Amino acid sequence: MLGHRRRFGLTLAGLATVGHALAGTQLLAGALDFLENTAIQHMVDRGHAYAPWPKVSATASGLKWLLLAAFVAYLLCVALGGLWSLVRSH
């Protein structure tokens, strides 16, 4: 059964724990998106990119995309691992 096999040093329960942690970080990604949009709005309202808003916007955006990329990579790895298990079992 898949739940008892170890994949890359993780059990299915371990993968679920990592998945829950990464899912929780998506709330942080949403907050970072809000911060990025707020910083952009400050720059648009002023008509020029005055400090600190460009750095705030760029940092929030970079962290947001990093969190999203980590979550997508996790989902792809789990999906491909599941497909691989199905192919090997048949």
Protein backbone atom coordinates (compact mmCIF):
# COMPACT_ATOMS: atom_id res chain seq x y z
CA MET A 1 0.00 0.00 0.00
CA LEU A 2 1.26 3.51 -0.86
CA GLY A 3 0.83 4.77 2.72
CA HIS A 4 3.50 2.38 3.99
CA ARG A 5 6.09 3.00 1.28
CA ARG A 6 8.81 5.55 1.70
CA ARG A 7 9.22 8.03 -1.13
CA PHE A 8 12.35 10.16 -1.06
CA GLY A 9 12.65 9.53 2.67
CA LEU A 10 9.06 10.60 3.42
CA THR A 11 6.01 8.54 4.21
CA LEU A 12 2.58 9.54 2.98
CA ALA A 13 1.93 11.07 6.41
CA GLY A 14 5.15 13.05 6.09
CA LEU A 15 4.12 14.31 2.67
CA ALA A 16 0.76 15.34 4.11
CA THR A 17 2.51 17.30 6.86
CA VAL A 18 4.66 19.11 4.31
CA GLY A 19 1.55 19.74 2.21
CA HIS A 20 -0.32 21.25 5.14
CA ALA A 21 2.62 23.52 5.93
CA LEU A 22 2.90 24.64 2.30
CA ALA A 23 -0.86 25.18 2.11
CA GLY A 24 -0.63 27.41 5.16
CA THR A 25 2.07 29.47 3.49
CA GLN A 26 -0.40 30.31 0.74
CA LEU A 27 -2.16 32.58 3.25
CA LEU A 28 1.15 34.35 3.65
CA ALA A 29 1.42 34.56 -0.16
CA GLY A 30 -1.98 36.26 -0.20
CA ALA A 31 -0.86 38.77 2.44
CA LEU A 32 2.31 39.44 0.44
CA ASP A 33 0.19 40.03 -2.66
CA PHE A 34 -1.87 42.57 -0.71
CA LEU A 35 1.31 44.29 0.47
CA GLU A 36 2.68 44.35 -3.08
CA ASN A 37 -0.55 45.86 -4.42
CA THR A 38 -0.58 48.48 -1.65
CA ALA A 39 2.99 49.48 -2.45
CA ILE A 40 2.15 49.73 -6.16
CA GLN A 41 -0.91 51.83 -5.34
CA HIS A 42 1.26 54.24 -3.32
CA MET A 43 3.57 54.63 -6.31
CA VAL A 44 0.67 55.16 -8.73
CA ASP A 45 -0.99 57.72 -6.44
CA ARG A 46 2.22 59.74 -6.21
CA GLY A 47 3.02 59.41 -9.90
CA HIS A 48 6.57 58.36 -9.11
CA ALA A 49 8.33 55.46 -7.38
CA TYR A 50 9.55 57.07 -4.16
CA ALA A 51 11.36 55.00 -1.51
CA PRO A 52 10.56 52.66 0.17
CA TRP A 53 7.71 51.50 -2.06
CA PRO A 54 9.69 50.00 -4.96
CA LYS A 55 11.70 47.80 -2.56
CA VAL A 56 8.58 46.86 -0.60
CA SER A 57 6.76 45.92 -3.80
CA ALA A 58 9.68 43.96 -5.26
CA THR A 59 10.42 42.10 -2.04
CA ALA A 60 6.78 41.18 -1.42
CA SER A 61 6.39 40.04 -5.03
CA GLY A 62 9.57 37.95 -4.97
CA LEU A 63 8.63 36.19 -1.74
CA LYS A 64 5.08 35.61 -2.96
CA TRP A 65 6.28 33.94 -6.17
CA LEU A 66 8.82 31.88 -4.25
CA LEU A 67 6.07 30.51 -1.99
CA LEU A 68 3.80 29.82 -4.95
CA ALA A 69 6.59 28.07 -6.87
CA ALA A 70 7.39 25.87 -3.87
CA PHE A 71 3.74 24.86 -3.58
CA VAL A 72 3.42 24.09 -7.30
CA ALA A 73 6.65 22.05 -7.20
CA TYR A 74 5.28 20.08 -4.24
CA LEU A 75 1.98 19.42 -6.03
CA LEU A 76 3.77 18.25 -9.18
CA CYS A 77 6.07 15.95 -7.22
CA VAL A 78 3.18 14.38 -5.32
CA ALA A 79 1.08 13.99 -8.48
CA LEU A 80 3.95 12.47 -10.46
CA GLY A 81 4.83 10.20 -7.53
CA GLY A 82 1.23 8.99 -7.42
CA LEU A 83 1.18 8.37 -11.15
CA TRP A 84 4.48 6.51 -10.93
CA SER A 85 3.07 4.31 -8.19
CA LEU A 86 0.01 3.52 -10.30
CA VAL A 87 2.13 2.66 -13.34
CA ARG A 88 4.45 0.42 -11.35
CA SER A 89 1.59 -1.41 -9.61
CA HIS A 90 0.00 -2.47 -12.90
